[in-house]
Amino acid sequence: MQALGRRVNSLTVVIPTWNEAPLIADCVRNAARIGDEVIVVDGGSVDETAEYARREGARVILAEKGRGPQLRAGAEAAQGEILLFLHADARLPITARDAVLKALDDPEVIGGNFLIRFLPSSWFTRLLEPANDVRRRVTKRFYGDSAIFIRASAYRLLGGFQPWPLMHDCPGV
């Protein structure tokens, strides 16, 4: 296992999906600008999500439906020294890779996430964005909407995502 604080460079983007055909091609293109490897983990979509993702160059693997099992499967298949977990409806700026690498230049930092900006913007989202930032700083809980990144070595040492179905991806919800 690599040392937790060593300099890292290779980045794998893991995208859990379920019926994301309208969004996935753009998401994979965006992720490919940031990561060295893009893995789409499909939870059994009945649309063309997997096909569209493959066409854009993503490696597609299948897993049990649910964020926990899908994120875990993607992390297990990843080759990168950094794991970046991205929702199919989220987009990161082209500067995201540099931001991740800069954050991880500090050997004490094992990971982090990005601020959320909602588009289109409205008076409500302009209130929600700073409130969400305060919530994440106070609770130290980062949700997948904000693109979570972590050193792969730290992820494995911590035991990774548990294979529990989470949030709105739970069967029957």
N, C-alpha and C. Protein backbone atom coordinates (compact mmCIF):
# COMPACT_ATOMS: atom_id res chain seq x y z
N MET A 1 0.85 -1.19 0.00
CA MET A 1 0.00 0.00 0.00
C MET A 1 0.89 1.24 0.00
N GLN A 2 0.49 2.23 -0.74
CA GLN A 2 1.26 3.47 -0.81
C GLN A 2 1.07 4.28 0.47
N ALA A 3 2.04 5.12 0.76
CA ALA A 3 1.94 5.99 1.93
C ALA A 3 0.80 6.97 1.73
N LEU A 4 0.09 7.25 2.81
CA LEU A 4 -1.07 8.14 2.72
C LEU A 4 -0.70 9.54 2.26
N GLY A 5 0.42 10.06 2.69
CA GLY A 5 0.75 11.44 2.39
C GLY A 5 1.62 11.66 1.18
N ARG A 6 1.90 10.62 0.40
CA ARG A 6 2.79 10.83 -0.74
C ARG A 6 2.08 11.57 -1.87
N ARG A 7 2.86 12.22 -2.70
CA ARG A 7 2.31 12.97 -3.84
C ARG A 7 1.62 12.01 -4.80
N VAL A 8 0.45 12.39 -5.24
CA VAL A 8 -0.32 11.53 -6.14
C VAL A 8 -0.64 12.29 -7.43
N ASN A 9 -0.83 11.55 -8.50
CA ASN A 9 -1.10 12.18 -9.78
C ASN A 9 -2.27 11.57 -10.53
N SER A 10 -2.38 10.25 -10.57
CA SER A 10 -3.42 9.64 -11.39
C SER A 10 -4.77 9.69 -10.70
N LEU A 11 -5.77 10.06 -11.47
CA LEU A 11 -7.10 10.32 -10.91
C LEU A 11 -8.15 9.51 -11.67
N THR A 12 -8.97 8.76 -10.93
CA THR A 12 -10.09 8.02 -11.50
C THR A 12 -11.38 8.68 -11.07
N VAL A 13 -12.24 8.96 -12.05
CA VAL A 13 -13.57 9.50 -11.77
C VAL A 13 -14.55 8.33 -11.80
N VAL A 14 -15.32 8.19 -10.72
CA VAL A 14 -16.32 7.12 -10.60
C VAL A 14 -17.70 7.77 -10.62
N ILE A 15 -18.54 7.33 -11.56
CA ILE A 15 -19.87 7.91 -11.72
C ILE A 15 -20.92 6.81 -11.56
N PRO A 16 -21.70 6.83 -10.47
CA PRO A 16 -22.78 5.85 -10.34
C PRO A 16 -23.98 6.30 -11.17
N THR A 17 -24.62 5.36 -11.87
CA THR A 17 -25.74 5.74 -12.73
C THR A 17 -26.91 4.77 -12.60
N TRP A 18 -28.05 5.30 -12.90
CA TRP A 18 -29.27 4.51 -13.07
C TRP A 18 -30.21 5.37 -13.92
N ASN A 19 -30.42 4.94 -15.13
CA ASN A 19 -31.29 5.64 -16.09
C ASN A 19 -30.88 7.11 -16.25
N GLU A 20 -29.63 7.32 -16.62
CA GLU A 20 -29.07 8.67 -16.79
C GLU A 20 -28.77 8.98 -18.26
N ALA A 21 -29.43 8.31 -19.19
CA ALA A 21 -29.13 8.48 -20.62
C ALA A 21 -29.09 9.94 -21.07
N PRO A 22 -30.03 10.79 -20.65
CA PRO A 22 -29.97 12.19 -21.12
C PRO A 22 -28.75 12.98 -20.63
N LEU A 23 -28.12 12.52 -19.56
CA LEU A 23 -27.03 13.28 -18.93
C LEU A 23 -25.65 12.67 -19.11
N ILE A 24 -25.58 11.37 -19.33
CA ILE A 24 -24.30 10.68 -19.15
C ILE A 24 -23.23 11.05 -20.16
N ALA A 25 -23.57 11.27 -21.42
CA ALA A 25 -22.53 11.58 -22.41
C ALA A 25 -21.79 12.87 -22.03
N ASP A 26 -22.53 13.91 -21.67
CA ASP A 26 -21.91 15.17 -21.28
C ASP A 26 -21.11 15.00 -19.99
N CYS A 27 -21.63 14.21 -19.06
CA CYS A 27 -20.92 13.97 -17.80
C CYS A 27 -19.60 13.26 -18.05
N VAL A 28 -19.61 12.23 -18.90
CA VAL A 28 -18.37 11.49 -19.18
C VAL A 28 -17.36 12.39 -19.88
N ARG A 29 -17.81 13.20 -20.83
CA ARG A 29 -16.89 14.13 -21.51
C ARG A 29 -16.26 15.08 -20.49
N ASN A 30 -17.07 15.62 -19.57
CA ASN A 30 -16.56 16.51 -18.54
C ASN A 30 -15.57 15.78 -17.63
N ALA A 31 -15.91 14.58 -17.21
CA ALA A 31 -15.05 13.80 -16.32
C ALA A 31 -13.73 13.44 -17.00
N ALA A 32 -13.76 13.16 -18.30
CA ALA A 32 -12.55 12.79 -19.03
C ALA A 32 -11.55 13.95 -19.12
N ARG A 33 -12.04 15.18 -19.02
CA ARG A 33 -11.13 16.34 -19.01
C ARG A 33 -10.40 16.44 -17.68
N ILE A 34 -10.92 15.80 -16.66
CA ILE A 34 -10.38 15.90 -15.31
C ILE A 34 -9.60 14.66 -14.91
N GLY A 35 -10.14 13.49 -15.25
CA GLY A 35 -9.56 12.24 -14.81
C GLY A 35 -8.77 11.52 -15.88
N ASP A 36 -7.89 10.63 -15.41
CA ASP A 36 -7.12 9.76 -16.30
C ASP A 36 -7.94 8.54 -16.68
N GLU A 37 -8.91 8.23 -15.86
CA GLU A 37 -9.77 7.07 -16.05
C GLU A 37 -11.18 7.48 -15.64
N VAL A 38 -12.18 7.08 -16.42
CA VAL A 38 -13.58 7.35 -16.07
C VAL A 38 -14.29 6.01 -16.02
N ILE A 39 -14.87 5.71 -14.86
CA ILE A 39 -15.62 4.48 -14.67
C ILE A 39 -17.08 4.84 -14.39
N VAL A 40 -17.97 4.35 -15.22
CA VAL A 40 -19.40 4.49 -14.98
C VAL A 40 -19.88 3.17 -14.40
N VAL A 41 -20.50 3.25 -13.23
CA VAL A 41 -21.00 2.05 -12.57
C VAL A 41 -22.52 2.09 -12.67
N ASP A 42 -23.05 1.24 -13.53
CA ASP A 42 -24.47 1.27 -13.80
C ASP A 42 -25.21 0.27 -12.91
N GLY A 43 -26.32 0.73 -12.38
CA GLY A 43 -27.13 -0.08 -11.48
C GLY A 43 -28.28 -0.79 -12.19
N GLY A 44 -28.12 -1.10 -13.46
CA GLY A 44 -29.16 -1.84 -14.18
C GLY A 44 -30.12 -0.94 -14.92
N SER A 45 -29.63 0.13 -15.49
CA SER A 45 -30.47 1.06 -16.23
C SER A 45 -31.25 0.34 -17.33
N VAL A 46 -32.48 0.80 -17.56
CA VAL A 46 -33.30 0.24 -18.63
C VAL A 46 -33.31 1.16 -19.85
N ASP A 47 -32.54 2.24 -19.78
CA ASP A 47 -32.38 3.13 -20.93
C ASP A 47 -31.00 2.86 -21.54
N GLU A 48 -30.46 3.76 -22.27
CA GLU A 48 -29.18 3.54 -22.96
C GLU A 48 -27.99 4.17 -22.24
N THR A 49 -28.09 4.31 -20.94
CA THR A 49 -27.01 4.92 -20.16
C THR A 49 -25.66 4.27 -20.42
N ALA A 50 -25.58 2.96 -20.26
CA ALA A 50 -24.30 2.26 -20.41
C ALA A 50 -23.73 2.41 -21.82
N GLU A 51 -24.58 2.29 -22.82
CA GLU A 51 -24.13 2.42 -24.21
C GLU A 51 -23.58 3.82 -24.48
N TYR A 52 -24.29 4.85 -24.04
CA TYR A 52 -23.83 6.23 -24.25
C TYR A 52 -22.50 6.47 -23.53
N ALA A 53 -22.37 5.93 -22.32
CA ALA A 53 -21.13 6.10 -21.55
C ALA A 53 -19.95 5.44 -22.27
N ARG A 54 -20.17 4.23 -22.77
CA ARG A 54 -19.11 3.53 -23.51
C ARG A 54 -18.69 4.31 -24.75
N ARG A 55 -19.67 4.83 -25.47
CA ARG A 55 -19.38 5.60 -26.68
C ARG A 55 -18.48 6.79 -26.39
N GLU A 56 -18.62 7.37 -25.20
CA GLU A 56 -17.81 8.53 -24.82
C GLU A 56 -16.46 8.13 -24.23
N GLY A 57 -16.20 6.82 -24.13
CA GLY A 57 -14.90 6.36 -23.68
C GLY A 57 -14.82 5.90 -22.24
N ALA A 58 -15.94 5.88 -21.53
CA ALA A 58 -15.92 5.42 -20.14
C ALA A 58 -15.83 3.90 -20.09
N ARG A 59 -15.22 3.42 -19.05
CA ARG A 59 -15.27 1.99 -18.74
C ARG A 59 -16.56 1.79 -17.97
N VAL A 60 -17.39 0.88 -18.42
CA VAL A 60 -18.69 0.66 -17.78
C VAL A 60 -18.67 -0.68 -17.07
N ILE A 61 -19.04 -0.65 -15.80
CA ILE A 61 -19.21 -1.90 -15.05
C ILE A 61 -20.60 -1.90 -14.46
N LEU A 62 -21.10 -3.08 -14.18
CA LEU A 62 -22.44 -3.22 -13.61
C LEU A 62 -22.31 -3.57 -12.14
N ALA A 63 -23.25 -3.06 -11.35
CA ALA A 63 -23.27 -3.34 -9.91
C ALA A 63 -24.72 -3.32 -9.45
N GLU A 64 -24.91 -3.83 -8.26
CA GLU A 64 -26.23 -3.76 -7.63
C GLU A 64 -26.65 -2.30 -7.54
N LYS A 65 -27.92 -2.03 -7.83
CA LYS A 65 -28.43 -0.66 -7.77
C LYS A 65 -28.34 -0.11 -6.36
N GLY A 66 -27.87 1.13 -6.27
CA GLY A 66 -27.73 1.82 -4.98
C GLY A 66 -26.38 2.50 -4.92
N ARG A 67 -26.33 3.69 -4.41
CA ARG A 67 -25.07 4.44 -4.41
C ARG A 67 -23.97 3.69 -3.68
N GLY A 68 -24.26 3.13 -2.53
CA GLY A 68 -23.22 2.41 -1.78
C GLY A 68 -22.57 1.30 -2.58
N PRO A 69 -23.37 0.34 -3.07
CA PRO A 69 -22.77 -0.75 -3.86
C PRO A 69 -22.10 -0.26 -5.14
N GLN A 70 -22.68 0.73 -5.80
CA GLN A 70 -22.11 1.22 -7.05
C GLN A 70 -20.79 1.95 -6.82
N LEU A 71 -20.73 2.82 -5.83
CA LEU A 71 -19.49 3.55 -5.55
C LEU A 71 -18.39 2.59 -5.12
N ARG A 72 -18.76 1.60 -4.32
CA ARG A 72 -17.79 0.60 -3.87
C ARG A 72 -17.23 -0.18 -5.06
N ALA A 73 -18.10 -0.61 -5.96
CA ALA A 73 -17.66 -1.38 -7.14
C ALA A 73 -16.74 -0.54 -8.01
N GLY A 74 -17.07 0.73 -8.19
CA GLY A 74 -16.23 1.61 -8.99
C GLY A 74 -14.86 1.81 -8.37
N ALA A 75 -14.83 2.01 -7.06
CA ALA A 75 -13.56 2.21 -6.36
C ALA A 75 -12.70 0.95 -6.43
N GLU A 76 -13.33 -0.22 -6.33
CA GLU A 76 -12.58 -1.47 -6.41
C GLU A 76 -11.97 -1.67 -7.80
N ALA A 77 -12.63 -1.18 -8.83
CA ALA A 77 -12.14 -1.34 -10.20
C ALA A 77 -11.14 -0.26 -10.60
N ALA A 78 -11.06 0.81 -9.83
CA ALA A 78 -10.25 1.97 -10.20
C ALA A 78 -8.76 1.69 -10.12
N GLN A 79 -8.02 2.31 -11.04
CA GLN A 79 -6.56 2.21 -11.08
C GLN A 79 -5.88 3.46 -10.52
N GLY A 80 -6.61 4.57 -10.40
CA GLY A 80 -6.02 5.83 -9.99
C GLY A 80 -5.59 5.89 -8.53
N GLU A 81 -4.64 6.78 -8.27
CA GLU A 81 -4.20 7.03 -6.90
C GLU A 81 -5.16 7.96 -6.17
N ILE A 82 -6.01 8.63 -6.93
CA ILE A 82 -7.04 9.50 -6.38
C ILE A 82 -8.38 9.01 -6.92
N LEU A 83 -9.37 8.96 -6.06
CA LEU A 83 -10.73 8.60 -6.47
C LEU A 83 -11.58 9.86 -6.37
N LEU A 84 -12.33 10.15 -7.42
CA LEU A 84 -13.25 11.29 -7.41
C LEU A 84 -14.63 10.74 -7.76
N PHE A 85 -15.56 10.87 -6.82
CA PHE A 85 -16.91 10.35 -6.98
C PHE A 85 -17.82 11.49 -7.44
N LEU A 86 -18.44 11.30 -8.60
CA LEU A 86 -19.19 12.36 -9.26
C LEU A 86 -20.58 11.89 -9.64
N HIS A 87 -21.59 12.67 -9.31
CA HIS A 87 -22.95 12.36 -9.76
C HIS A 87 -23.09 12.68 -11.24
N ALA A 88 -23.95 11.95 -11.92
CA ALA A 88 -24.15 12.13 -13.36
C ALA A 88 -24.73 13.50 -13.70
N ASP A 89 -25.39 14.15 -12.75
CA ASP A 89 -25.98 15.47 -13.03
C ASP A 89 -25.08 16.61 -12.57
N ALA A 90 -23.85 16.29 -12.17
CA ALA A 90 -22.91 17.32 -11.70
C ALA A 90 -21.82 17.54 -12.74
N ARG A 91 -21.33 18.76 -12.83
CA ARG A 91 -20.23 19.10 -13.73
C ARG A 91 -19.18 19.87 -12.94
N LEU A 92 -17.94 19.57 -13.21
CA LEU A 92 -16.84 20.27 -12.55
C LEU A 92 -16.14 21.17 -13.55
N PRO A 93 -15.55 22.27 -13.07
CA PRO A 93 -14.80 23.14 -13.98
C PRO A 93 -13.53 22.45 -14.43
N ILE A 94 -12.98 22.90 -15.53
CA ILE A 94 -11.75 22.33 -16.08
C ILE A 94 -10.60 22.43 -15.07
N THR A 95 -10.69 23.36 -14.14
CA THR A 95 -9.65 23.55 -13.12
C THR A 95 -9.77 22.56 -11.95
N ALA A 96 -10.75 21.68 -11.99
CA ALA A 96 -10.99 20.75 -10.88
C ALA A 96 -9.79 19.85 -10.61
N ARG A 97 -9.17 19.32 -11.66
CA ARG A 97 -8.02 18.44 -11.45
C ARG A 97 -6.91 19.18 -10.71
N ASP A 98 -6.59 20.40 -11.17
CA ASP A 98 -5.55 21.18 -10.49
C ASP A 98 -5.91 21.44 -9.04
N ALA A 99 -7.18 21.71 -8.77
CA ALA A 99 -7.63 21.97 -7.40
C ALA A 99 -7.45 20.73 -6.53
N VAL A 100 -7.79 19.56 -7.07
CA VAL A 100 -7.63 18.31 -6.32
C VAL A 100 -6.15 18.07 -6.03
N LEU A 101 -5.32 18.17 -7.06
CA LEU A 101 -3.89 17.93 -6.87
C LEU A 101 -3.26 18.91 -5.89
N LYS A 102 -3.69 20.17 -5.96
CA LYS A 102 -3.17 21.18 -5.03
C LYS A 102 -3.58 20.83 -3.59
N ALA A 103 -4.83 20.45 -3.39
CA ALA A 103 -5.29 20.07 -2.04
C ALA A 103 -4.48 18.89 -1.51
N LEU A 104 -4.19 17.92 -2.38
CA LEU A 104 -3.49 16.71 -1.95
C LEU A 104 -1.98 16.88 -1.92
N ASP A 105 -1.47 18.06 -2.31
CA ASP A 105 -0.05 18.36 -2.12
C ASP A 105 0.29 18.37 -0.64
N ASP A 106 -0.70 18.70 0.18
CA ASP A 106 -0.52 18.70 1.64
C ASP A 106 -0.65 17.25 2.11
N PRO A 107 0.41 16.65 2.64
CA PRO A 107 0.36 15.24 3.05
C PRO A 107 -0.65 14.95 4.16
N GLU A 108 -1.09 15.99 4.86
CA GLU A 108 -2.09 15.81 5.92
C GLU A 108 -3.51 15.69 5.36
N VAL A 109 -3.72 16.10 4.12
CA VAL A 109 -5.05 16.07 3.52
C VAL A 109 -5.25 14.73 2.82
N ILE A 110 -6.34 14.04 3.17
CA ILE A 110 -6.63 12.77 2.50
C ILE A 110 -7.73 12.91 1.46
N GLY A 111 -8.46 14.02 1.49
CA GLY A 111 -9.53 14.19 0.50
C GLY A 111 -10.27 15.48 0.73
N GLY A 112 -11.39 15.62 0.04
CA GLY A 112 -12.21 16.81 0.17
C GLY A 112 -13.36 16.78 -0.81
N ASN A 113 -13.94 17.92 -1.03
CA ASN A 113 -15.04 18.04 -1.99
C ASN A 113 -15.13 19.46 -2.49
N PHE A 114 -16.06 19.69 -3.39
CA PHE A 114 -16.21 20.99 -4.03
C PHE A 114 -17.45 21.71 -3.52
N LEU A 115 -17.45 23.02 -3.63
CA LEU A 115 -18.64 23.80 -3.33
C LEU A 115 -19.70 23.51 -4.40
N ILE A 116 -20.94 23.54 -4.00
CA ILE A 116 -22.04 23.31 -4.93
C ILE A 116 -22.54 24.65 -5.47
N ARG A 117 -22.74 24.69 -6.76
CA ARG A 117 -23.35 25.85 -7.41
C ARG A 117 -24.50 25.31 -8.26
N PHE A 118 -25.69 25.80 -8.00
CA PHE A 118 -26.86 25.32 -8.72
C PHE A 118 -27.10 26.15 -9.98
N LEU A 119 -27.41 25.45 -11.06
CA LEU A 119 -27.76 26.09 -12.31
C LEU A 119 -29.10 25.54 -12.79
N PRO A 120 -30.00 26.34 -13.20
CA PRO A 120 -29.91 27.79 -13.25
C PRO A 120 -29.98 28.39 -11.85
N SER A 121 -29.43 29.55 -11.71
CA SER A 121 -29.40 30.25 -10.44
C SER A 121 -30.73 30.96 -10.20
N SER A 122 -31.12 31.02 -8.94
CA SER A 122 -32.33 31.74 -8.55
C SER A 122 -32.07 32.34 -7.17
N TRP A 123 -33.00 33.13 -6.67
CA TRP A 123 -32.82 33.71 -5.34
C TRP A 123 -32.71 32.59 -4.31
N PHE A 124 -33.47 31.50 -4.51
CA PHE A 124 -33.45 30.39 -3.56
C PHE A 124 -32.09 29.66 -3.59
N THR A 125 -31.58 29.39 -4.79
CA THR A 125 -30.29 28.68 -4.87
C THR A 125 -29.15 29.55 -4.37
N ARG A 126 -29.28 30.87 -4.54
CA ARG A 126 -28.23 31.77 -4.02
C ARG A 126 -28.22 31.77 -2.49
N LEU A 127 -29.34 31.43 -1.85
CA LEU A 127 -29.38 31.24 -0.40
C LEU A 127 -28.91 29.85 0.00
N LEU A 128 -29.31 28.88 -0.82
CA LEU A 128 -28.99 27.48 -0.52
C LEU A 128 -27.49 27.18 -0.63
N GLU A 129 -26.81 27.77 -1.59
CA GLU A 129 -25.38 27.48 -1.79
C GLU A 129 -24.53 27.81 -0.56
N PRO A 130 -24.62 29.02 0.00
CA PRO A 130 -23.80 29.28 1.21
C PRO A 130 -24.29 28.49 2.42
N ALA A 131 -25.58 28.23 2.50
CA ALA A 131 -26.10 27.43 3.62
C ALA A 131 -25.53 26.01 3.55
N ASN A 132 -25.45 25.47 2.36
CA ASN A 132 -24.87 24.14 2.18
C ASN A 132 -23.39 24.13 2.57
N ASP A 133 -22.68 25.20 2.23
CA ASP A 133 -21.27 25.29 2.58
C ASP A 133 -21.09 25.32 4.10
N VAL A 134 -21.93 26.10 4.78
CA VAL A 134 -21.86 26.15 6.25
C VAL A 134 -22.16 24.77 6.84
N ARG A 135 -23.20 24.09 6.30
CA ARG A 135 -23.56 22.76 6.79
C ARG A 135 -22.39 21.80 6.66
N ARG A 136 -21.71 21.79 5.52
CA ARG A 136 -20.61 20.83 5.32
C ARG A 136 -19.42 21.15 6.21
N ARG A 137 -19.17 22.46 6.46
CA ARG A 137 -18.05 22.83 7.33
C ARG A 137 -18.34 22.48 8.79
N VAL A 138 -19.57 22.68 9.22
CA VAL A 138 -19.93 22.41 10.61
C VAL A 138 -20.04 20.90 10.87
N THR A 139 -20.73 20.19 10.00
CA THR A 139 -20.97 18.76 10.23
C THR A 139 -19.84 17.87 9.73
N LYS A 140 -18.98 18.43 8.86
CA LYS A 140 -17.89 17.66 8.24
C LYS A 140 -18.44 16.48 7.43
N ARG A 141 -19.63 16.66 6.86
CA ARG A 141 -20.25 15.63 6.02
C ARG A 141 -20.39 16.18 4.61
N PHE A 142 -19.86 15.41 3.69
CA PHE A 142 -19.90 15.80 2.28
C PHE A 142 -20.83 14.86 1.55
N TYR A 143 -21.73 15.41 0.79
CA TYR A 143 -22.65 14.60 0.00
C TYR A 143 -22.14 14.48 -1.42
N GLY A 144 -22.57 13.43 -2.10
CA GLY A 144 -22.09 13.13 -3.43
C GLY A 144 -22.32 14.22 -4.45
N ASP A 145 -23.31 15.07 -4.23
CA ASP A 145 -23.56 16.17 -5.16
C ASP A 145 -22.35 17.08 -5.32
N SER A 146 -21.46 17.06 -4.34
CA SER A 146 -20.34 18.00 -4.33
C SER A 146 -19.03 17.39 -4.82
N ALA A 147 -19.09 16.24 -5.47
CA ALA A 147 -17.90 15.60 -6.03
C ALA A 147 -16.83 15.36 -4.96
N ILE A 148 -16.94 14.26 -4.30
CA ILE A 148 -16.01 13.90 -3.22
C ILE A 148 -14.75 13.28 -3.83
N PHE A 149 -13.58 13.71 -3.34
CA PHE A 149 -12.33 13.08 -3.77
C PHE A 149 -11.55 12.63 -2.55
N ILE A 150 -10.76 11.56 -2.74
CA ILE A 150 -9.98 10.98 -1.65
C ILE A 150 -8.80 10.20 -2.23
N ARG A 151 -7.72 10.19 -1.47
CA ARG A 151 -6.59 9.35 -1.87
C ARG A 151 -7.09 7.89 -1.84
N ALA A 152 -6.78 7.13 -2.87
CA ALA A 152 -7.23 5.73 -2.94
C ALA A 152 -6.70 4.94 -1.75
N SER A 153 -5.48 5.22 -1.32
CA SER A 153 -4.91 4.50 -0.17
C SER A 153 -5.70 4.78 1.10
N ALA A 154 -6.13 6.01 1.30
CA ALA A 154 -6.92 6.35 2.48
C ALA A 154 -8.31 5.72 2.40
N TYR A 155 -8.90 5.75 1.20
CA TYR A 155 -10.21 5.12 0.99
C TYR A 155 -10.16 3.65 1.41
N ARG A 156 -9.13 2.95 0.95
CA ARG A 156 -9.03 1.52 1.27
C ARG A 156 -8.75 1.30 2.75
N LEU A 157 -7.88 2.12 3.33
CA LEU A 157 -7.57 2.00 4.75
C LEU A 157 -8.81 2.22 5.61
N LEU A 158 -9.68 3.14 5.19
CA LEU A 158 -10.90 3.43 5.93
C LEU A 158 -12.02 2.41 5.68
N GLY A 159 -11.81 1.50 4.75
CA GLY A 159 -12.81 0.47 4.47
C GLY A 159 -13.76 0.82 3.35
N GLY A 160 -13.59 1.98 2.73
CA GLY A 160 -14.41 2.36 1.58
C GLY A 160 -15.87 2.56 1.90
N PHE A 161 -16.64 2.80 0.84
CA PHE A 161 -18.09 2.92 0.99
C PHE A 161 -18.64 1.55 1.36
N GLN A 162 -19.57 1.55 2.27
CA GLN A 162 -20.24 0.30 2.59
C GLN A 162 -21.23 -0.01 1.48
N PRO A 163 -21.46 -1.27 1.19
CA PRO A 163 -22.34 -1.62 0.07
C PRO A 163 -23.83 -1.50 0.43
N TRP A 164 -24.17 -0.46 1.16
CA TRP A 164 -25.56 -0.23 1.51
C TRP A 164 -26.20 0.66 0.46
N PRO A 165 -27.44 0.38 0.10
CA PRO A 165 -28.13 1.32 -0.79
C PRO A 165 -28.38 2.61 0.00
N LEU A 166 -28.18 3.74 -0.66
CA LEU A 166 -28.31 5.03 0.03
C LEU A 166 -29.25 5.96 -0.69
N MET A 167 -29.88 6.82 0.03
CA MET A 167 -30.68 7.93 -0.47
C MET A 167 -31.70 7.50 -1.51
N HIS A 168 -31.83 8.30 -2.57
CA HIS A 168 -32.91 8.07 -3.53
C HIS A 168 -32.63 6.91 -4.47
N ASP A 169 -31.49 6.27 -4.36
CA ASP A 169 -31.23 5.12 -5.20
C ASP A 169 -31.71 3.82 -4.56
N CYS A 170 -32.27 3.89 -3.37
CA CYS A 170 -32.73 2.70 -2.70
C CYS A 170 -33.90 2.08 -3.47
N PRO A 171 -33.85 0.76 -3.66
CA PRO A 171 -35.00 0.10 -4.30
C PRO A 171 -36.27 0.36 -3.49
N GLY A 172 -37.33 0.66 -4.17
CA GLY A 172 -38.61 0.87 -3.52
C GLY A 172 -38.84 2.27 -3.03
N VAL A 173 -37.86 3.15 -3.17
CA VAL A 173 -38.05 4.53 -2.69
C VAL A 173 -38.55 5.40 -3.84
